[in-house]
Amino acid sequence: MTLSLMEKSFHTAVVAVRNDFSMNFRLRRKFNVIEWTIEEFGIIHGKGDIAPTMKLTPFLLFDGNCAEAMAFYQKCLGGELTLTKLGDTPMKDQFPPEQHHKIVNAYLKSGALEFSATDWLHPTQLPKQGNTIGLYVINGKYNELKAIFDQLSEGADQETFVELQNMPFGSYGHLIDKYSVPWFFVGEKQE
């Protein structure tokens, strides 16, 4: 792949600017202007982004051994691990007591590395290769999440679809898109 002089300059500018978290710059191309902002953690947002406060991280699904797996990853990667058991949430009444030990949310953050996980809780589907990893959209305002959720729900699997809704911890929704990719949404409650 050959890069044009403009593309090489742009790449060099992005790499250079990532080292100065407070710098803003503009790149003028033939007919448009691309504006980028380097924020505190070096994350680049293009002007006009629809989700500037959200994060997209990997989301792993385990078959009952989420706590064990995440403790192993913490041992390997360091950082802080937070585990929430089903039995410690208001959702426990919707599940039989023998599932209350399962993890509904595990979150590991180590420096710039972060990801979340859960134990498999779907009552009719079984975990299999391909449906045990998904994408996790977090930290958004309800309206931002809803706009993306609605677009991704076009052609989504209706058997596993969970409409974006208020929960005790914020808003939550889940869908498997028309390309079989699982998406999980967690953000602020709808007002």
C-alpha atoms as a PDB file:
ATOM      1  CA  MET A   1       0.000   0.000   0.000  1.00  0.00           C
ATOM      2  CA  THR A   2       1.437   3.356  -1.035  1.00  0.00           C
ATOM      3  CA  LEU A   3       0.565   6.480   0.923  1.00  0.00           C
ATOM      4  CA  SER A   4       0.341   9.871  -0.749  1.00  0.00           C
ATOM      5  CA  LEU A   5       2.441  12.732   0.559  1.00  0.00           C
ATOM      6  CA  MET A   6      -0.715  14.217   2.196  1.00  0.00           C
ATOM      7  CA  GLU A   7      -1.548  10.893   3.878  1.00  0.00           C
ATOM      8  CA  LYS A   8       2.054  10.511   5.120  1.00  0.00           C
ATOM      9  CA  SER A   9       1.986  14.062   6.498  1.00  0.00           C
ATOM     10  CA  PHE A  10      -1.367  13.441   8.167  1.00  0.00           C
ATOM     11  CA  HIS A  11      -0.131  10.188   9.758  1.00  0.00           C
ATOM     12  CA  THR A  12       3.023  11.934  11.001  1.00  0.00           C
ATOM     13  CA  ALA A  13       0.950  14.801  12.411  1.00  0.00           C
ATOM     14  CA  VAL A  14      -1.371  12.392  14.239  1.00  0.00           C
ATOM     15  CA  VAL A  15       1.572  10.520  15.777  1.00  0.00           C
ATOM     16  CA  ALA A  16       3.241  13.807  16.782  1.00  0.00           C
ATOM     17  CA  VAL A  17       0.058  15.279  18.220  1.00  0.00           C
ATOM     18  CA  ARG A  18      -0.700  12.168  20.272  1.00  0.00           C
ATOM     19  CA  ASN A  19       2.287  13.195  22.376  1.00  0.00           C
ATOM     20  CA  ASP A  20       0.727  16.598  23.190  1.00  0.00           C
ATOM     21  CA  PHE A  21      -2.690  15.944  24.747  1.00  0.00           C
ATOM     22  CA  SER A  22      -3.817  19.563  24.705  1.00  0.00           C
ATOM     23  CA  MET A  23      -3.124  20.348  21.061  1.00  0.00           C
ATOM     24  CA  ASN A  24      -5.820  20.848  18.427  1.00  0.00           C
ATOM     25  CA  PHE A  25      -5.004  20.984  14.785  1.00  0.00           C
ATOM     26  CA  ARG A  26      -6.657  21.208  11.406  1.00  0.00           C
ATOM     27  CA  LEU A  27      -5.765  19.324   8.320  1.00  0.00           C
ATOM     28  CA  ARG A  28      -6.941  21.005   5.157  1.00  0.00           C
ATOM     29  CA  ARG A  29      -7.484  18.720   2.204  1.00  0.00           C
ATOM     30  CA  LYS A  30      -8.658  19.658  -1.278  1.00  0.00           C
ATOM     31  CA  PHE A  31     -12.291  20.498  -0.508  1.00  0.00           C
ATOM     32  CA  ASN A  32     -12.823  19.788   3.169  1.00  0.00           C
ATOM     33  CA  VAL A  33     -11.382  20.405   6.615  1.00  0.00           C
ATOM     34  CA  ILE A  34     -10.886  17.618   9.101  1.00  0.00           C
ATOM     35  CA  GLU A  35     -10.611  18.795  12.690  1.00  0.00           C
ATOM     36  CA  TRP A  36      -9.166  16.521  15.364  1.00  0.00           C
ATOM     37  CA  THR A  37      -8.933  16.958  19.114  1.00  0.00           C
ATOM     38  CA  ILE A  38      -6.449  15.100  21.241  1.00  0.00           C
ATOM     39  CA  GLU A  39      -7.990  14.641  24.661  1.00  0.00           C
ATOM     40  CA  GLU A  40      -6.506  13.694  28.006  1.00  0.00           C
ATOM     41  CA  PHE A  41      -5.973  10.029  27.135  1.00  0.00           C
ATOM     42  CA  GLY A  42      -4.787  10.595  23.592  1.00  0.00           C
ATOM     43  CA  ILE A  43      -8.122   9.589  22.055  1.00  0.00           C
ATOM     44  CA  ILE A  44      -8.811  11.226  18.710  1.00  0.00           C
ATOM     45  CA  HIS A  45     -12.317  12.453  17.913  1.00  0.00           C
ATOM     46  CA  GLY A  46     -13.184  13.693  14.452  1.00  0.00           C
ATOM     47  CA  LYS A  47     -15.367  16.772  14.229  1.00  0.00           C
ATOM     48  CA  GLY A  48     -18.977  15.666  13.867  1.00  0.00           C
ATOM     49  CA  ASP A  49     -18.621  12.379  15.770  1.00  0.00           C
ATOM     50  CA  ILE A  50     -22.017  11.182  17.003  1.00  0.00           C
ATOM     51  CA  ALA A  51     -20.594   9.484  20.100  1.00  0.00           C
ATOM     52  CA  PRO A  52     -17.737  11.595  21.526  1.00  0.00           C
ATOM     53  CA  THR A  53     -18.212  10.442  25.157  1.00  0.00           C
ATOM     54  CA  MET A  54     -18.771   6.742  24.491  1.00  0.00           C
ATOM     55  CA  LYS A  55     -16.252   3.920  24.512  1.00  0.00           C
ATOM     56  CA  LEU A  56     -16.276   0.710  22.510  1.00  0.00           C
ATOM     57  CA  THR A  57     -14.524  -2.188  24.225  1.00  0.00           C
ATOM     58  CA  PRO A  58     -14.432  -5.979  23.907  1.00  0.00           C
ATOM     59  CA  PHE A  59     -17.063  -7.886  25.864  1.00  0.00           C
ATOM     60  CA  LEU A  60     -16.467 -11.559  26.688  1.00  0.00           C
ATOM     61  CA  LEU A  61     -19.116 -14.143  27.622  1.00  0.00           C
ATOM     62  CA  PHE A  62     -18.147 -17.162  29.730  1.00  0.00           C
ATOM     63  CA  ASP A  63     -19.952 -20.399  30.522  1.00  0.00           C
ATOM     64  CA  GLY A  64     -19.975 -20.094  34.321  1.00  0.00           C
ATOM     65  CA  ASN A  65     -16.262 -19.402  34.837  1.00  0.00           C
ATOM     66  CA  CYS A  66     -16.178 -15.630  34.312  1.00  0.00           C
ATOM     67  CA  ALA A  67     -14.765 -14.843  37.785  1.00  0.00           C
ATOM     68  CA  GLU A  68     -11.977 -17.398  37.358  1.00  0.00           C
ATOM     69  CA  ALA A  69     -11.084 -16.192  33.854  1.00  0.00           C
ATOM     70  CA  MET A  70     -11.093 -12.520  34.797  1.00  0.00           C
ATOM     71  CA  ALA A  71      -8.926 -13.203  37.889  1.00  0.00           C
ATOM     72  CA  PHE A  72      -6.464 -14.932  35.542  1.00  0.00           C
ATOM     73  CA  TYR A  73      -6.454 -11.927  33.177  1.00  0.00           C
ATOM     74  CA  GLN A  74      -5.913  -9.611  36.142  1.00  0.00           C
ATOM     75  CA  LYS A  75      -2.945 -11.747  37.221  1.00  0.00           C
ATOM     76  CA  CYS A  76      -1.501 -11.458  33.709  1.00  0.00           C
ATOM     77  CA  LEU A  77      -2.310  -7.802  33.023  1.00  0.00           C
ATOM     78  CA  GLY A  78      -2.469  -6.244  36.498  1.00  0.00           C
ATOM     79  CA  GLY A  79      -4.969  -3.475  37.141  1.00  0.00           C
ATOM     80  CA  GLU A  80      -8.245  -3.290  39.015  1.00  0.00           C
ATOM     81  CA  LEU A  81     -10.957  -5.937  38.642  1.00  0.00           C
ATOM     82  CA  THR A  82     -14.585  -5.355  39.640  1.00  0.00           C
ATOM     83  CA  LEU A  83     -16.976  -8.327  39.810  1.00  0.00           C
ATOM     84  CA  THR A  84     -20.744  -8.127  40.303  1.00  0.00           C
ATOM     85  CA  LYS A  85     -22.649 -11.334  41.054  1.00  0.00           C
ATOM     86  CA  LEU A  86     -26.204 -11.830  39.851  1.00  0.00           C
ATOM     87  CA  GLY A  87     -27.278 -12.495  43.456  1.00  0.00           C
ATOM     88  CA  ASP A  88     -26.108  -8.985  44.428  1.00  0.00           C
ATOM     89  CA  THR A  89     -28.380  -7.241  41.919  1.00  0.00           C
ATOM     90  CA  PRO A  90     -32.117  -6.499  41.674  1.00  0.00           C
ATOM     91  CA  MET A  91     -32.190  -8.842  38.649  1.00  0.00           C
ATOM     92  CA  LYS A  92     -31.736 -11.924  40.874  1.00  0.00           C
ATOM     93  CA  ASP A  93     -35.497 -12.421  41.191  1.00  0.00           C
ATOM     94  CA  GLN A  94     -35.689 -13.094  37.446  1.00  0.00           C
ATOM     95  CA  PHE A  95     -33.335 -16.112  37.704  1.00  0.00           C
ATOM     96  CA  PRO A  96     -33.295 -19.359  39.687  1.00  0.00           C
ATOM     97  CA  PRO A  97     -31.171 -19.333  42.883  1.00  0.00           C
ATOM     98  CA  GLU A  98     -28.645 -21.808  41.389  1.00  0.00           C
ATOM     99  CA  GLN A  99     -27.550 -19.036  39.000  1.00  0.00           C
ATOM    100  CA  HIS A 100     -27.087 -16.313  41.643  1.00  0.00           C
ATOM    101  CA  HIS A 101     -23.351 -17.065  41.940  1.00  0.00           C
ATOM    102  CA  LYS A 102     -22.783 -16.146  38.272  1.00  0.00           C
ATOM    103  CA  ILE A 103     -21.150 -12.872  37.275  1.00  0.00           C
ATOM    104  CA  VAL A 104     -23.382 -10.299  35.539  1.00  0.00           C
ATOM    105  CA  ASN A 105     -20.582  -7.783  35.063  1.00  0.00           C
ATOM    106  CA  ALA A 106     -16.831  -8.056  35.338  1.00  0.00           C
ATOM    107  CA  TYR A 107     -14.670  -5.075  34.453  1.00  0.00           C
ATOM    108  CA  LEU A 108     -10.877  -5.070  34.244  1.00  0.00           C
ATOM    109  CA  LYS A 109      -8.891  -1.870  33.754  1.00  0.00           C
ATOM    110  CA  SER A 110      -5.118  -1.796  33.596  1.00  0.00           C
ATOM    111  CA  GLY A 111      -3.652   1.397  32.190  1.00  0.00           C
ATOM    112  CA  ALA A 112      -5.038   1.847  28.688  1.00  0.00           C
ATOM    113  CA  LEU A 113      -6.306  -1.749  28.577  1.00  0.00           C
ATOM    114  CA  GLU A 114      -9.909  -2.354  29.554  1.00  0.00           C
ATOM    115  CA  PHE A 115     -12.594  -4.914  28.834  1.00  0.00           C
ATOM    116  CA  SER A 116     -15.722  -6.373  30.370  1.00  0.00           C
ATOM    117  CA  ALA A 117     -17.236  -9.830  30.676  1.00  0.00           C
ATOM    118  CA  THR A 118     -20.187 -11.784  32.032  1.00  0.00           C
ATOM    119  CA  ASP A 119     -21.309 -15.342  32.621  1.00  0.00           C
ATOM    120  CA  TRP A 120     -23.728 -16.716  30.055  1.00  0.00           C
ATOM    121  CA  LEU A 121     -27.278 -16.124  31.342  1.00  0.00           C
ATOM    122  CA  HIS A 122     -29.437 -16.481  28.215  1.00  0.00           C
ATOM    123  CA  PRO A 123     -32.182 -19.029  29.026  1.00  0.00           C
ATOM    124  CA  THR A 124     -32.615 -20.583  25.554  1.00  0.00           C
ATOM    125  CA  GLN A 125     -29.296 -20.179  23.713  1.00  0.00           C
ATOM    126  CA  LEU A 126     -26.098 -22.032  24.473  1.00  0.00           C
ATOM    127  CA  PRO A 127     -22.616 -20.546  24.258  1.00  0.00           C
ATOM    128  CA  LYS A 128     -20.678 -21.658  21.174  1.00  0.00           C
ATOM    129  CA  GLN A 129     -17.677 -20.477  19.216  1.00  0.00           C
ATOM    130  CA  GLY A 130     -18.620 -17.123  17.681  1.00  0.00           C
ATOM    131  CA  ASN A 131     -21.203 -15.927  20.208  1.00  0.00           C
ATOM    132  CA  THR A 132     -18.936 -15.536  23.228  1.00  0.00           C
ATOM    133  CA  ILE A 133     -17.423 -12.187  22.301  1.00  0.00           C
ATOM    134  CA  GLY A 134     -19.200  -8.963  21.483  1.00  0.00           C
ATOM    135  CA  LEU A 135     -18.844  -5.208  21.430  1.00  0.00           C
ATOM    136  CA  TYR A 136     -19.657  -3.127  24.499  1.00  0.00           C
ATOM    137  CA  VAL A 137     -20.783   0.487  24.042  1.00  0.00           C
ATOM    138  CA  ILE A 138     -20.543   2.331  27.366  1.00  0.00           C
ATOM    139  CA  ASN A 139     -20.688   5.777  29.000  1.00  0.00           C
ATOM    140  CA  GLY A 140     -23.118   7.335  26.552  1.00  0.00           C
ATOM    141  CA  LYS A 141     -26.080   9.558  27.189  1.00  0.00           C
ATOM    142  CA  TYR A 142     -29.352   7.748  26.618  1.00  0.00           C
ATOM    143  CA  ASN A 143     -30.210   9.670  23.430  1.00  0.00           C
ATOM    144  CA  GLU A 144     -26.754   8.997  21.950  1.00  0.00           C
ATOM    145  CA  LEU A 145     -26.999   5.295  22.763  1.00  0.00           C
ATOM    146  CA  LYS A 146     -30.557   5.087  21.455  1.00  0.00           C
ATOM    147  CA  ALA A 147     -29.630   6.597  18.076  1.00  0.00           C
ATOM    148  CA  ILE A 148     -26.865   4.030  17.533  1.00  0.00           C
ATOM    149  CA  PHE A 149     -28.919   1.177  19.019  1.00  0.00           C
ATOM    150  CA  ASP A 150     -31.839   1.895  16.685  1.00  0.00           C
ATOM    151  CA  GLN A 151     -29.616   1.960  13.617  1.00  0.00           C
ATOM    152  CA  LEU A 152     -27.880  -1.305  14.534  1.00  0.00           C
ATOM    153  CA  SER A 153     -31.214  -2.978  15.316  1.00  0.00           C
ATOM    154  CA  GLU A 154     -32.232  -2.889  11.639  1.00  0.00           C
ATOM    155  CA  GLY A 155     -32.361  -6.580  10.723  1.00  0.00           C
ATOM    156  CA  ALA A 156     -31.264  -7.672  14.226  1.00  0.00           C
ATOM    157  CA  ASP A 157     -32.081 -11.121  15.636  1.00  0.00           C
ATOM    158  CA  GLN A 158     -35.422 -10.677  17.434  1.00  0.00           C
ATOM    159  CA  GLU A 159     -35.030 -13.812  19.599  1.00  0.00           C
ATOM    160  CA  THR A 160     -32.186 -12.255  21.601  1.00  0.00           C
ATOM    161  CA  PHE A 161     -33.193  -8.585  21.249  1.00  0.00           C
ATOM    162  CA  VAL A 162     -33.406  -6.547  24.476  1.00  0.00           C
ATOM    163  CA  GLU A 163     -34.690  -3.015  23.824  1.00  0.00           C
ATOM    164  CA  LEU A 164     -32.617  -0.205  25.337  1.00  0.00           C
ATOM    165  CA  GLN A 165     -34.323   0.478  28.677  1.00  0.00           C
ATOM    166  CA  ASN A 166     -33.768   1.867  32.157  1.00  0.00           C
ATOM    167  CA  MET A 167     -32.285  -0.505  34.716  1.00  0.00           C
ATOM    168  CA  PRO A 168     -31.221   0.150  38.338  1.00  0.00           C
ATOM    169  CA  PHE A 169     -27.635   0.875  37.189  1.00  0.00           C
ATOM    170  CA  GLY A 170     -28.520   3.032  34.135  1.00  0.00           C
ATOM    171  CA  SER A 171     -29.781   2.103  30.687  1.00  0.00           C
ATOM    172  CA  TYR A 172     -29.132  -1.318  29.111  1.00  0.00           C
ATOM    173  CA  GLY A 173     -29.858  -2.932  25.775  1.00  0.00           C
ATOM    174  CA  HIS A 174     -28.586  -5.884  23.774  1.00  0.00           C
ATOM    175  CA  LEU A 175     -28.868  -6.979  20.175  1.00  0.00           C
ATOM    176  CA  ILE A 176     -27.219  -9.256  17.669  1.00  0.00           C
ATOM    177  CA  ASP A 177     -26.950  -7.322  14.423  1.00  0.00           C
ATOM    178  CA  LYS A 178     -27.732  -8.610  10.940  1.00  0.00           C
ATOM    179  CA  TYR A 179     -24.078  -9.709  10.597  1.00  0.00           C
ATOM    180  CA  SER A 180     -24.305 -11.862  13.780  1.00  0.00           C
ATOM    181  CA  VAL A 181     -22.212  -9.468  15.893  1.00  0.00           C
ATOM    182  CA  PRO A 182     -23.439  -9.138  19.514  1.00  0.00           C
ATOM    183  CA  TRP A 183     -23.704  -5.559  20.853  1.00  0.00           C
ATOM    184  CA  PHE A 184     -24.223  -4.552  24.502  1.00  0.00           C
ATOM    185  CA  PHE A 185     -25.169  -1.001  25.504  1.00  0.00           C
ATOM    186  CA  VAL A 186     -24.827   0.543  28.989  1.00  0.00           C
ATOM    187  CA  GLY A 187     -25.157   4.245  29.734  1.00  0.00           C
ATOM    188  CA  GLU A 188     -27.122   6.944  31.478  1.00  0.00           C
ATOM    189  CA  LYS A 189     -30.796   6.421  32.301  1.00  0.00           C
ATOM    190  CA  GLN A 190     -33.476   7.910  30.093  1.00  0.00           C
ATOM    191  CA  GLU A 191     -34.877  11.005  31.781  1.00  0.00           C
END
